[in-house]
Full PDB file with SEQRES, HELIX, SHEET, SSBOND, CRYST1, ORIGX, SCALE, CONECT and MASTER records, all heavy atoms in Angstrom:
SEQRES   1 A   44  ALA PHE GLU LYS GLY VAL LYS LEU LYS ASP ILE ALA ILE          
SEQRES   2 A   44  MET SER ARG GLN LEU ALA THR MET ILE ALA ALA GLY LEU          
SEQRES   3 A   44  SER LEU LEU ARG ALA LEU SER ILE LEU ALA SER GLN THR          
SEQRES   4 A   44  GLU ASN LYS THR LEU                                          
HELIX    1 AA1 LEU A    8  ALA A   23  1                                  16    
HELIX    2 AA2 LEU A   28  GLN A   38  1                                  11    
CRYST1    1.000    1.000    1.000  90.00  90.00  90.00 P 1           1          
ORIGX1      1.000000  0.000000  0.000000        0.00000                         
ORIGX2      0.000000  1.000000  0.000000        0.00000                         
ORIGX3      0.000000  0.000000  1.000000        0.00000                         
SCALE1      1.000000  0.000000  0.000000        0.00000                         
SCALE2      0.000000  1.000000  0.000000        0.00000                         
SCALE3      0.000000  0.000000  1.000000        0.00000                         
ATOM      1  N   ALA A   1     -90.919 -68.053-130.037  1.00  0.00           N  
ATOM      2  CA  ALA A   1     -91.704 -68.323-128.835  1.00  0.00           C  
ATOM      3  C   ALA A   1     -91.090 -69.404-127.959  1.00  0.00           C  
ATOM      4  O   ALA A   1     -91.445 -69.540-126.796  1.00  0.00           O  
ATOM      5  CB  ALA A   1     -93.123 -68.733-129.241  1.00  0.00           C  
ATOM      6  N   PHE A   2     -90.152 -70.192-128.526  1.00  0.00           N  
ATOM      7  CA  PHE A   2     -89.550 -71.274-127.748  1.00  0.00           C  
ATOM      8  C   PHE A   2     -88.367 -70.796-126.910  1.00  0.00           C  
ATOM      9  O   PHE A   2     -87.811 -71.556-126.143  1.00  0.00           O  
ATOM     10  CB  PHE A   2     -89.096 -72.407-128.682  1.00  0.00           C  
ATOM     11  CG  PHE A   2     -90.245 -73.078-129.376  1.00  0.00           C  
ATOM     12  CD1 PHE A   2     -90.579 -72.721-130.667  1.00  0.00           C  
ATOM     13  CD2 PHE A   2     -91.005 -74.032-128.729  1.00  0.00           C  
ATOM     14  CE1 PHE A   2     -91.647 -73.334-131.304  1.00  0.00           C  
ATOM     15  CE2 PHE A   2     -92.064 -74.652-129.360  1.00  0.00           C  
ATOM     16  CZ  PHE A   2     -92.382 -74.294-130.654  1.00  0.00           C  
ATOM     17  N   GLU A   3     -87.938 -69.533-127.096  1.00  0.00           N  
ATOM     18  CA  GLU A   3     -86.843 -69.024-126.300  1.00  0.00           C  
ATOM     19  C   GLU A   3     -87.274 -68.887-124.846  1.00  0.00           C  
ATOM     20  O   GLU A   3     -88.419 -68.558-124.539  1.00  0.00           O  
ATOM     21  CB  GLU A   3     -86.377 -67.666-126.842  1.00  0.00           C  
ATOM     22  CG  GLU A   3     -85.601 -67.772-128.149  1.00  0.00           C  
ATOM     23  CD  GLU A   3     -85.051 -66.424-128.566  1.00  0.00           C  
ATOM     24  OE1 GLU A   3     -85.394 -65.419-127.932  1.00  0.00           O  
ATOM     25  OE2 GLU A   3     -84.286 -66.381-129.529  1.00  0.00           O  
ATOM     26  N   LYS A   4     -86.338 -69.111-123.936  1.00  0.00           N  
ATOM     27  CA  LYS A   4     -86.623 -69.033-122.521  1.00  0.00           C  
ATOM     28  C   LYS A   4     -86.793 -67.587-122.090  1.00  0.00           C  
ATOM     29  O   LYS A   4     -85.965 -66.741-122.398  1.00  0.00           O  
ATOM     30  CB  LYS A   4     -85.474 -69.693-121.746  1.00  0.00           C  
ATOM     31  CG  LYS A   4     -85.718 -69.801-120.252  1.00  0.00           C  
ATOM     32  CD  LYS A   4     -84.529 -70.466-119.599  1.00  0.00           C  
ATOM     33  CE  LYS A   4     -84.718 -70.549-118.086  1.00  0.00           C  
ATOM     34  NZ  LYS A   4     -83.547 -71.153-117.430  1.00  0.00           N  
ATOM     35  N   GLY A   5     -87.882 -67.271-121.404  1.00  0.00           N  
ATOM     36  CA  GLY A   5     -88.125 -65.923-120.940  1.00  0.00           C  
ATOM     37  C   GLY A   5     -87.235 -65.575-119.759  1.00  0.00           C  
ATOM     38  O   GLY A   5     -86.601 -66.428-119.148  1.00  0.00           O  
ATOM     39  N   VAL A   6     -87.189 -64.280-119.438  1.00  0.00           N  
ATOM     40  CA  VAL A   6     -86.384 -63.797-118.323  1.00  0.00           C  
ATOM     41  C   VAL A   6     -87.260 -63.770-117.073  1.00  0.00           C  
ATOM     42  O   VAL A   6     -88.279 -63.085-117.031  1.00  0.00           O  
ATOM     43  CB  VAL A   6     -85.826 -62.391-118.615  1.00  0.00           C  
ATOM     44  CG1 VAL A   6     -85.001 -61.894-117.436  1.00  0.00           C  
ATOM     45  CG2 VAL A   6     -84.981 -62.417-119.882  1.00  0.00           C  
ATOM     46  N   LYS A   7     -86.866 -64.521-116.062  1.00  0.00           N  
ATOM     47  CA  LYS A   7     -87.613 -64.583-114.816  1.00  0.00           C  
ATOM     48  C   LYS A   7     -87.034 -63.603-113.800  1.00  0.00           C  
ATOM     49  O   LYS A   7     -85.901 -63.139-113.939  1.00  0.00           O  
ATOM     50  CB  LYS A   7     -87.574 -66.006-114.249  1.00  0.00           C  
ATOM     51  CG  LYS A   7     -88.219 -67.044-115.156  1.00  0.00           C  
ATOM     52  CD  LYS A   7     -88.139 -68.433-114.544  1.00  0.00           C  
ATOM     53  CE  LYS A   7     -88.773 -69.472-115.456  1.00  0.00           C  
ATOM     54  NZ  LYS A   7     -88.674 -70.835-114.897  1.00  0.00           N  
ATOM     55  N   LEU A   8     -87.834 -63.318-112.782  1.00  0.00           N  
ATOM     56  CA  LEU A   8     -87.387 -62.407-111.733  1.00  0.00           C  
ATOM     57  C   LEU A   8     -86.139 -62.936-111.031  1.00  0.00           C  
ATOM     58  O   LEU A   8     -85.262 -62.167-110.628  1.00  0.00           O  
ATOM     59  CB  LEU A   8     -88.517 -62.201-110.719  1.00  0.00           C  
ATOM     60  CG  LEU A   8     -88.352 -61.026-109.748  1.00  0.00           C  
ATOM     61  CD1 LEU A   8     -88.331 -59.708-110.508  1.00  0.00           C  
ATOM     62  CD2 LEU A   8     -89.464 -61.027-108.719  1.00  0.00           C  
ATOM     63  N   LYS A   9     -86.049 -64.254-110.911  1.00  0.00           N  
ATOM     64  CA  LYS A   9     -84.866 -64.857-110.296  1.00  0.00           C  
ATOM     65  C   LYS A   9     -83.606 -64.554-111.104  1.00  0.00           C  
ATOM     66  O   LYS A   9     -82.532 -64.303-110.530  1.00  0.00           O  
ATOM     67  CB  LYS A   9     -85.067 -66.371-110.177  1.00  0.00           C  
ATOM     68  CG  LYS A   9     -83.960 -67.089-109.438  1.00  0.00           C  
ATOM     69  CD  LYS A   9     -84.258 -68.572-109.308  1.00  0.00           C  
ATOM     70  CE  LYS A   9     -83.143 -69.305-108.574  1.00  0.00           C  
ATOM     71  NZ  LYS A   9     -83.432 -70.762-108.460  1.00  0.00           N  
ATOM     72  N   ASP A  10     -83.717 -64.574-112.443  1.00  0.00           N  
ATOM     73  CA  ASP A  10     -82.576 -64.245-113.297  1.00  0.00           C  
ATOM     74  C   ASP A  10     -82.124 -62.804-113.074  1.00  0.00           C  
ATOM     75  O   ASP A  10     -80.923 -62.520-113.017  1.00  0.00           O  
ATOM     76  CB  ASP A  10     -82.938 -64.444-114.777  1.00  0.00           C  
ATOM     77  CG  ASP A  10     -83.318 -65.878-115.097  1.00  0.00           C  
ATOM     78  OD1 ASP A  10     -82.705 -66.780-114.505  1.00  0.00           O  
ATOM     79  OD2 ASP A  10     -84.221 -66.091-115.917  1.00  0.00           O  
ATOM     80  N   ILE A  11     -83.096 -61.881-112.948  1.00  0.00           N  
ATOM     81  CA  ILE A  11     -82.777 -60.467-112.709  1.00  0.00           C  
ATOM     82  C   ILE A  11     -82.094 -60.303-111.352  1.00  0.00           C  
ATOM     83  O   ILE A  11     -81.143 -59.526-111.204  1.00  0.00           O  
ATOM     84  CB  ILE A  11     -84.049 -59.607-112.778  1.00  0.00           C  
ATOM     85  CG1 ILE A  11     -84.759 -59.779-114.125  1.00  0.00           C  
ATOM     86  CG2 ILE A  11     -83.711 -58.139-112.550  1.00  0.00           C  
ATOM     87  CD1 ILE A  11     -84.028 -59.226-115.295  1.00  0.00           C  
ATOM     88  N   ALA A  12     -82.589 -61.035-110.345  1.00  0.00           N  
ATOM     89  CA  ALA A  12     -82.005 -60.945-109.004  1.00  0.00           C  
ATOM     90  C   ALA A  12     -80.548 -61.406-109.000  1.00  0.00           C  
ATOM     91  O   ALA A  12     -79.673 -60.747-108.424  1.00  0.00           O  
ATOM     92  CB  ALA A  12     -82.828 -61.782-108.024  1.00  0.00           C  
ATOM     93  N   ILE A  13     -80.280 -62.539-109.657  1.00  0.00           N  
ATOM     94  CA  ILE A  13     -78.905 -63.060-109.726  1.00  0.00           C  
ATOM     95  C   ILE A  13     -78.008 -62.089-110.479  1.00  0.00           C  
ATOM     96  O   ILE A  13     -76.873 -61.803-110.056  1.00  0.00           O  
ATOM     97  CB  ILE A  13     -78.899 -64.448-110.398  1.00  0.00           C  
ATOM     98  CG1 ILE A  13     -79.643 -65.466-109.522  1.00  0.00           C  
ATOM     99  CG2 ILE A  13     -77.475 -64.912-110.671  1.00  0.00           C  
ATOM    100  CD1 ILE A  13     -79.877 -66.803-110.186  1.00  0.00           C  
ATOM    101  N   MET A  14     -78.512 -61.555-111.594  1.00  0.00           N  
ATOM    102  CA  MET A  14     -77.732 -60.608-112.384  1.00  0.00           C  
ATOM    103  C   MET A  14     -77.409 -59.348-111.578  1.00  0.00           C  
ATOM    104  O   MET A  14     -76.272 -58.855-111.602  1.00  0.00           O  
ATOM    105  CB  MET A  14     -78.508 -60.243-113.653  1.00  0.00           C  
ATOM    106  CG  MET A  14     -77.788 -59.286-114.590  1.00  0.00           C  
ATOM    107  SD  MET A  14     -78.034 -57.523-114.225  1.00  0.00           S  
ATOM    108  CE  MET A  14     -79.767 -57.341-114.635  1.00  0.00           C  
ATOM    109  N   SER A  15     -78.389 -58.830-110.830  1.00  0.00           N  
ATOM    110  CA  SER A  15     -78.173 -57.623-110.020  1.00  0.00           C  
ATOM    111  C   SER A  15     -77.126 -57.880-108.939  1.00  0.00           C  
ATOM    112  O   SER A  15     -76.257 -57.033-108.687  1.00  0.00           O  
ATOM    113  CB  SER A  15     -79.491 -57.183-109.373  1.00  0.00           C  
ATOM    114  OG  SER A  15     -80.474 -56.918-110.343  1.00  0.00           O  
ATOM    115  N   ARG A  16     -77.207 -59.046-108.305  1.00  0.00           N  
ATOM    116  CA  ARG A  16     -76.244 -59.390-107.255  1.00  0.00           C  
ATOM    117  C   ARG A  16     -74.827 -59.485-107.837  1.00  0.00           C  
ATOM    118  O   ARG A  16     -73.864 -58.969-107.254  1.00  0.00           O  
ATOM    119  CB  ARG A  16     -76.643 -60.719-106.615  1.00  0.00           C  
ATOM    120  CG  ARG A  16     -75.722 -61.213-105.524  1.00  0.00           C  
ATOM    121  CD  ARG A  16     -75.899 -60.404-104.255  1.00  0.00           C  
ATOM    122  NE  ARG A  16     -77.221 -60.620-103.676  1.00  0.00           N  
ATOM    123  CZ  ARG A  16     -77.726 -59.880-102.696  1.00  0.00           C  
ATOM    124  NH1 ARG A  16     -77.023 -58.881-102.205  1.00  0.00           N  
ATOM    125  NH2 ARG A  16     -78.941 -60.130-102.218  1.00  0.00           N  
ATOM    126  N   GLN A  17     -74.688 -60.144-108.988  1.00  0.00           N  
ATOM    127  CA  GLN A  17     -73.368 -60.295-109.599  1.00  0.00           C  
ATOM    128  C   GLN A  17     -72.813 -58.950-110.059  1.00  0.00           C  
ATOM    129  O   GLN A  17     -71.623 -58.664-109.881  1.00  0.00           O  
ATOM    130  CB  GLN A  17     -73.455 -61.269-110.776  1.00  0.00           C  
ATOM    131  CG  GLN A  17     -73.752 -62.704-110.355  1.00  0.00           C  
ATOM    132  CD  GLN A  17     -73.994 -63.615-111.543  1.00  0.00           C  
ATOM    133  OE1 GLN A  17     -74.380 -63.157-112.622  1.00  0.00           O  
ATOM    134  NE2 GLN A  17     -73.798 -64.912-111.352  1.00  0.00           N  
ATOM    135  N   LEU A  18     -73.668 -58.110-110.647  1.00  0.00           N  
ATOM    136  CA  LEU A  18     -73.224 -56.797-111.118  1.00  0.00           C  
ATOM    137  C   LEU A  18     -72.782 -55.927-109.947  1.00  0.00           C  
ATOM    138  O   LEU A  18     -71.754 -55.239-110.024  1.00  0.00           O  
ATOM    139  CB  LEU A  18     -74.350 -56.116-111.899  1.00  0.00           C  
ATOM    140  CG  LEU A  18     -74.017 -54.781-112.566  1.00  0.00           C  
ATOM    141  CD1 LEU A  18     -72.855 -54.936-113.537  1.00  0.00           C  
ATOM    142  CD2 LEU A  18     -75.247 -54.234-113.299  1.00  0.00           C  
ATOM    143  N   ALA A  19     -73.546 -55.968-108.840  1.00  0.00           N  
ATOM    144  CA  ALA A  19     -73.181 -55.201-107.648  1.00  0.00           C  
ATOM    145  C   ALA A  19     -71.836 -55.662-107.089  1.00  0.00           C  
ATOM    146  O   ALA A  19     -70.993 -54.835-106.700  1.00  0.00           O  
ATOM    147  CB  ALA A  19     -74.272 -55.342-106.585  1.00  0.00           C  
ATOM    148  N   THR A  20     -71.621 -56.972-107.064  1.00  0.00           N  
ATOM    149  CA  THR A  20     -70.364 -57.520-106.537  1.00  0.00           C  
ATOM    150  C   THR A  20     -69.175 -57.092-107.381  1.00  0.00           C  
ATOM    151  O   THR A  20     -68.123 -56.694-106.838  1.00  0.00           O  
ATOM    152  CB  THR A  20     -70.441 -59.061-106.489  1.00  0.00           C  
ATOM    153  OG1 THR A  20     -71.547 -59.447-105.675  1.00  0.00           O  
ATOM    154  CG2 THR A  20     -69.167 -59.654-105.911  1.00  0.00           C  
ATOM    155  N   MET A  21     -69.316 -57.137-108.701  1.00  0.00           N  
ATOM    156  CA  MET A  21     -68.207 -56.775-109.583  1.00  0.00           C  
ATOM    157  C   MET A  21     -67.899 -55.286-109.514  1.00  0.00           C  
ATOM    158  O   MET A  21     -66.732 -54.884-109.520  1.00  0.00           O  
ATOM    159  CB  MET A  21     -68.526 -57.195-111.024  1.00  0.00           C  
ATOM    160  CG  MET A  21     -68.407 -58.704-111.244  1.00  0.00           C  
ATOM    161  SD  MET A  21     -68.525 -59.188-112.986  1.00  0.00           S  
ATOM    162  CE  MET A  21     -70.289 -59.086-113.238  1.00  0.00           C  
ATOM    163  N   ILE A  22     -68.946 -54.444-109.427  1.00  0.00           N  
ATOM    164  CA  ILE A  22     -68.717 -52.996-109.330  1.00  0.00           C  
ATOM    165  C   ILE A  22     -68.058 -52.653-107.996  1.00  0.00           C  
ATOM    166  O   ILE A  22     -67.137 -51.837-107.930  1.00  0.00           O  
ATOM    167  CB  ILE A  22     -70.050 -52.239-109.514  1.00  0.00           C  
ATOM    168  CG1 ILE A  22     -70.519 -52.371-110.963  1.00  0.00           C  
ATOM    169  CG2 ILE A  22     -69.888 -50.766-109.146  1.00  0.00           C  
ATOM    170  CD1 ILE A  22     -71.874 -51.767-111.221  1.00  0.00           C  
ATOM    171  N   ALA A  23     -68.518 -53.302-106.913  1.00  0.00           N  
ATOM    172  CA  ALA A  23     -67.911 -53.067-105.598  1.00  0.00           C  
ATOM    173  C   ALA A  23     -66.449 -53.527-105.564  1.00  0.00           C  
ATOM    174  O   ALA A  23     -65.636 -52.974-104.808  1.00  0.00           O  
ATOM    175  CB  ALA A  23     -68.714 -53.793-104.519  1.00  0.00           C  
ATOM    176  N   ALA A  24     -66.118 -54.537-106.389  1.00  0.00           N  
ATOM    177  CA  ALA A  24     -64.742 -55.046-106.439  1.00  0.00           C  
ATOM    178  C   ALA A  24     -63.825 -54.171-107.289  1.00  0.00           C  
ATOM    179  O   ALA A  24     -62.619 -54.441-107.366  1.00  0.00           O  
ATOM    180  CB  ALA A  24     -64.740 -56.466-106.984  1.00  0.00           C  
ATOM    181  N   GLY A  25     -64.386 -53.149-107.937  1.00  0.00           N  
ATOM    182  CA  GLY A  25     -63.566 -52.214-108.697  1.00  0.00           C  
ATOM    183  C   GLY A  25     -63.569 -52.409-110.196  1.00  0.00           C  
ATOM    184  O   GLY A  25     -62.865 -51.693-110.917  1.00  0.00           O  
ATOM    185  N   LEU A  26     -64.343 -53.357-110.707  1.00  0.00           N  
ATOM    186  CA  LEU A  26     -64.424 -53.552-112.156  1.00  0.00           C  
ATOM    187  C   LEU A  26     -65.211 -52.405-112.777  1.00  0.00           C  
ATOM    188  O   LEU A  26     -66.139 -51.872-112.171  1.00  0.00           O  
ATOM    189  CB  LEU A  26     -65.094 -54.883-112.499  1.00  0.00           C  
ATOM    190  CG  LEU A  26     -64.191 -56.120-112.574  1.00  0.00           C  
ATOM    191  CD1 LEU A  26     -63.753 -56.538-111.177  1.00  0.00           C  
ATOM    192  CD2 LEU A  26     -64.944 -57.270-113.258  1.00  0.00           C  
ATOM    193  N   SER A  27     -64.852 -52.044-113.999  1.00  0.00           N  
ATOM    194  CA  SER A  27     -65.603 -51.008-114.700  1.00  0.00           C  
ATOM    195  C   SER A  27     -66.976 -51.542-115.079  1.00  0.00           C  
ATOM    196  O   SER A  27     -67.179 -52.758-115.216  1.00  0.00           O  
ATOM    197  CB  SER A  27     -64.845 -50.562-115.949  1.00  0.00           C  
ATOM    198  OG  SER A  27     -64.823 -51.612-116.912  1.00  0.00           O  
ATOM    199  N   LEU A  28     -67.908 -50.625-115.249  1.00  0.00           N  
ATOM    200  CA  LEU A  28     -69.273 -51.018-115.591  1.00  0.00           C  
ATOM    201  C   LEU A  28     -69.322 -51.755-116.924  1.00  0.00           C  
ATOM    202  O   LEU A  28     -70.021 -52.778-117.058  1.00  0.00           O  
ATOM    203  CB  LEU A  28     -70.176 -49.777-115.634  1.00  0.00           C  
ATOM    204  CG  LEU A  28     -71.654 -50.014-115.965  1.00  0.00           C  
ATOM    205  CD1 LEU A  28     -72.291 -50.971-114.958  1.00  0.00           C  
ATOM    206  CD2 LEU A  28     -72.414 -48.690-115.999  1.00  0.00           C  
ATOM    207  N   LEU A  29     -68.559 -51.280-117.910  1.00  0.00           N  
ATOM    208  CA  LEU A  29     -68.549 -51.930-119.228  1.00  0.00           C  
ATOM    209  C   LEU A  29     -68.021 -53.354-119.136  1.00  0.00           C  
ATOM    210  O   LEU A  29     -68.582 -54.276-119.737  1.00  0.00           O  
ATOM    211  CB  LEU A  29     -67.694 -51.122-120.205  1.00  0.00           C  
ATOM    212  CG  LEU A  29     -68.344 -49.886-120.836  1.00  0.00           C  
ATOM    213  CD1 LEU A  29     -67.322 -49.125-121.659  1.00  0.00           C  
ATOM    214  CD2 LEU A  29     -69.537 -50.293-121.702  1.00  0.00           C  
ATOM    215  N   ARG A  30     -66.963 -53.517-118.393  1.00  0.00           N  
ATOM    216  CA  ARG A  30     -66.381 -54.850-118.268  1.00  0.00           C  
ATOM    217  C   ARG A  30     -67.331 -55.790-117.522  1.00  0.00           C  
ATOM    218  O   ARG A  30     -67.492 -56.954-117.893  1.00  0.00           O  
ATOM    219  CB  ARG A  30     -65.043 -54.751-117.541  1.00  0.00           C  
ATOM    220  CG  ARG A  30     -64.280 -56.064-117.504  1.00  0.00           C  
ATOM    221  CD  ARG A  30     -62.943 -55.862-116.843  1.00  0.00           C  
ATOM    222  NE  ARG A  30     -62.268 -57.128-116.600  1.00  0.00           N  
ATOM    223  CZ  ARG A  30     -61.234 -57.268-115.785  1.00  0.00           C  
ATOM    224  NH1 ARG A  30     -60.760 -56.214-115.152  1.00  0.00           N  
ATOM    225  NH2 ARG A  30     -60.673 -58.436-115.607  1.00  0.00           N  
ATOM    226  N   ALA A  31     -67.958 -55.286-116.465  1.00  0.00           N  
ATOM    227  CA  ALA A  31     -68.905 -56.104-115.703  1.00  0.00           C  
ATOM    228  C   ALA A  31     -70.078 -56.537-116.569  1.00  0.00           C  
ATOM    229  O   ALA A  31     -70.499 -57.697-116.537  1.00  0.00           O  
ATOM    230  CB  ALA A  31     -69.400 -55.326-114.482  1.00  0.00           C  
ATOM    231  N   LEU A  32     -70.600 -55.609-117.364  1.00  0.00           N  
ATOM    232  CA  LEU A  32     -71.719 -55.943-118.250  1.00  0.00           C  
ATOM    233  C   LEU A  32     -71.287 -56.950-119.313  1.00  0.00           C  
ATOM    234  O   LEU A  32     -72.062 -57.849-119.680  1.00  0.00           O  
ATOM    235  CB  LEU A  32     -72.253 -54.670-118.920  1.00  0.00           C  
ATOM    236  CG  LEU A  32     -73.038 -53.715-118.018  1.00  0.00           C  
ATOM    237  CD1 LEU A  32     -73.310 -52.405-118.743  1.00  0.00           C  
ATOM    238  CD2 LEU A  32     -74.359 -54.354-117.580  1.00  0.00           C  
ATOM    239  N   SER A  33     -70.073 -56.813-119.818  1.00  0.00           N  
ATOM    240  CA  SER A  33     -69.563 -57.747-120.826  1.00  0.00           C  
ATOM    241  C   SER A  33     -69.443 -59.153-120.254  1.00  0.00           C  
ATOM    242  O   SER A  33     -69.827 -60.141-120.904  1.00  0.00           O  
ATOM    243  CB  SER A  33     -68.206 -57.266-121.334  1.00  0.00           C  
ATOM    244  OG  SER A  33     -67.666 -58.201-122.248  1.00  0.00           O  
ATOM    245  N   ILE A  34     -68.933 -59.260-119.036  1.00  0.00           N  
ATOM    246  CA  ILE A  34     -68.789 -60.574-118.388  1.00  0.00           C  
ATOM    247  C   ILE A  34     -70.160 -61.206-118.157  1.00  0.00           C  
ATOM    248  O   ILE A  34     -70.370 -62.391-118.433  1.00  0.00           O  
ATOM    249  CB  ILE A  34     -68.018 -60.434-117.063  1.00  0.00           C  
ATOM    250  CG1 ILE A  34     -66.571 -60.022-117.334  1.00  0.00           C  
ATOM    251  CG2 ILE A  34     -68.064 -61.735-116.277  1.00  0.00           C  
ATOM    252  CD1 ILE A  34     -65.790 -59.654-116.090  1.00  0.00           C  
ATOM    253  N   LEU A  35     -71.119 -60.402-117.658  1.00  0.00           N  
ATOM    254  CA  LEU A  35     -72.465 -60.925-117.407  1.00  0.00           C  
ATOM    255  C   LEU A  35     -73.137 -61.367-118.700  1.00  0.00           C  
ATOM    256  O   LEU A  35     -73.800 -62.402-118.744  1.00  0.00           O  
ATOM    257  CB  LEU A  35     -73.319 -59.857-116.713  1.00  0.00           C  
ATOM    258  CG  LEU A  35     -73.039 -59.606-115.234  1.00  0.00           C  
ATOM    259  CD1 LEU A  35     -73.880 -58.443-114.730  1.00  0.00           C  
ATOM    260  CD2 LEU A  35     -73.335 -60.859-114.420  1.00  0.00           C  
ATOM    261  N   ALA A  36     -72.988 -60.565-119.763  1.00  0.00           N  
ATOM    262  CA  ALA A  36     -73.627 -60.894-121.043  1.00  0.00           C  
ATOM    263  C   ALA A  36     -73.113 -62.210-121.611  1.00  0.00           C  
ATOM    264  O   ALA A  36     -73.866 -62.973-122.221  1.00  0.00           O  
ATOM    265  CB  ALA A  36     -73.401 -59.767-122.044  1.00  0.00           C  
ATOM    266  N   SER A  37     -71.833 -62.492-121.397  1.00  0.00           N  
ATOM    267  CA  SER A  37     -71.247 -63.703-121.973  1.00  0.00           C  
ATOM    268  C   SER A  37     -71.448 -64.934-121.096  1.00  0.00           C  
ATOM    269  O   SER A  37     -71.401 -66.060-121.590  1.00  0.00           O  
ATOM    270  CB  SER A  37     -69.753 -63.489-122.218  1.00  0.00           C  
ATOM    271  OG  SER A  37     -69.079 -63.230-120.994  1.00  0.00           O  
ATOM    272  N   GLN A  38     -71.676 -64.727-119.797  1.00  0.00           N  
ATOM    273  CA  GLN A  38     -71.711 -65.870-118.888  1.00  0.00           C  
ATOM    274  C   GLN A  38     -73.112 -66.224-118.389  1.00  0.00           C  
ATOM    275  O   GLN A  38     -73.281 -67.302-117.827  1.00  0.00           O  
ATOM    276  CB  GLN A  38     -70.800 -65.597-117.685  1.00  0.00           C  
ATOM    277  CG  GLN A  38     -69.326 -65.534-118.057  1.00  0.00           C  
ATOM    278  CD  GLN A  38     -68.427 -65.387-116.843  1.00  0.00           C  
ATOM    279  OE1 GLN A  38     -68.895 -65.221-115.723  1.00  0.00           O  
ATOM    280  NE2 GLN A  38     -67.132 -65.465-117.057  1.00  0.00           N  
ATOM    281  N   THR A  39     -74.086 -65.347-118.543  1.00  0.00           N  
ATOM    282  CA  THR A  39     -75.425 -65.666-118.050  1.00  0.00           C  
ATOM    283  C   THR A  39     -76.013 -66.842-118.811  1.00  0.00           C  
ATOM    284  O   THR A  39     -75.819 -66.982-120.028  1.00  0.00           O  
ATOM    285  CB  THR A  39     -76.351 -64.438-118.163  1.00  0.00           C  
ATOM    286  OG1 THR A  39     -77.616 -64.760-117.611  1.00  0.00           O  
ATOM    287  CG2 THR A  39     -76.545 -64.025-119.617  1.00  0.00           C  
ATOM    288  N   GLU A  40     -76.710 -67.716-118.096  1.00  0.00           N  
ATOM    289  CA  GLU A  40     -77.277 -68.916-118.710  1.00  0.00           C  
ATOM    290  C   GLU A  40     -78.494 -68.591-119.571  1.00  0.00           C  
ATOM    291  O   GLU A  40     -78.785 -69.291-120.531  1.00  0.00           O  
ATOM    292  CB  GLU A  40     -77.662 -69.922-117.628  1.00  0.00           C  
ATOM    293  CG  GLU A  40     -76.462 -70.487-116.865  1.00  0.00           C  
ATOM    294  CD  GLU A  40     -76.878 -71.493-115.809  1.00  0.00           C  
ATOM    295  OE1 GLU A  40     -78.091 -71.750-115.691  1.00  0.00           O  
ATOM    296  OE2 GLU A  40     -76.007 -72.018-115.108  1.00  0.00           O  
ATOM    297  N   ASN A  41     -79.233 -67.536-119.207  1.00  0.00           N  
ATOM    298  CA  ASN A  41     -80.426 -67.156-119.955  1.00  0.00           C  
ATOM    299  C   ASN A  41     -80.014 -66.366-121.194  1.00  0.00           C  
ATOM    300  O   ASN A  41     -79.474 -65.265-121.092  1.00  0.00           O  
ATOM    301  CB  ASN A  41     -81.353 -66.320-119.058  1.00  0.00           C  
ATOM    302  CG  ASN A  41     -82.705 -66.068-119.697  1.00  0.00           C  
ATOM    303  OD1 ASN A  41     -82.811 -65.408-120.722  1.00  0.00           O  
ATOM    304  ND2 ASN A  41     -83.744 -66.597-119.085  1.00  0.00           N  
ATOM    305  N   LYS A  42     -80.251 -66.938-122.381  1.00  0.00           N  
ATOM    306  CA  LYS A  42     -79.797 -66.331-123.624  1.00  0.00           C  
ATOM    307  C   LYS A  42     -80.491 -64.994-123.893  1.00  0.00           C  
ATOM    308  O   LYS A  42     -79.871 -64.058-124.407  1.00  0.00           O  
ATOM    309  CB  LYS A  42     -80.038 -67.287-124.805  1.00  0.00           C  
ATOM    310  CG  LYS A  42     -79.296 -68.612-124.681  1.00  0.00           C  
ATOM    311  CD  LYS A  42     -77.798 -68.411-124.586  1.00  0.00           C  
ATOM    312  CE  LYS A  42     -77.056 -69.743-124.487  1.00  0.00           C  
ATOM    313  NZ  LYS A  42     -75.599 -69.532-124.278  1.00  0.00           N  
ATOM    314  N   THR A  43     -81.781 -64.904-123.551  1.00  0.00           N  
ATOM    315  CA  THR A  43     -82.505 -63.654-123.770  1.00  0.00           C  
ATOM    316  C   THR A  43     -81.917 -62.538-122.916  1.00  0.00           C  
ATOM    317  O   THR A  43     -81.692 -61.416-123.391  1.00  0.00           O  
ATOM    318  CB  THR A  43     -83.999 -63.836-123.432  1.00  0.00           C  
ATOM    319  OG1 THR A  43     -84.534 -64.914-124.207  1.00  0.00           O  
ATOM    320  CG2 THR A  43     -84.780 -62.569-123.735  1.00  0.00           C  
ATOM    321  N   LEU A  44     -81.661 -62.845-121.650  1.00  0.00           N  
ATOM    322  CA  LEU A  44     -81.056 -61.853-120.760  1.00  0.00           C  
ATOM    323  C   LEU A  44     -79.644 -61.511-121.225  1.00  0.00           C  
ATOM    324  O   LEU A  44     -79.223 -60.344-121.158  1.00  0.00           O  
ATOM    325  CB  LEU A  44     -81.042 -62.379-119.321  1.00  0.00           C  
ATOM    326  CG  LEU A  44     -80.452 -61.439-118.260  1.00  0.00           C  
ATOM    327  CD1 LEU A  44     -81.205 -60.113-118.230  1.00  0.00           C  
ATOM    328  CD2 LEU A  44     -80.486 -62.103-116.892  1.00  0.00           C  
TER     329      LEU A  44                                                      
MASTER        0    0    0    2    0    0    0    6  328    1    0    4          
END                                                                             
């Protein structure tokens, strides 16, 4: 219960970053891997 929940702001930032990486030509798998390792929210 002490883990930080996922807020709408976190989803918005993640969507923006994923869109930018896909538009830049990165593969979906690679973009998701980068987001998973770099996002500050551990649950997300």
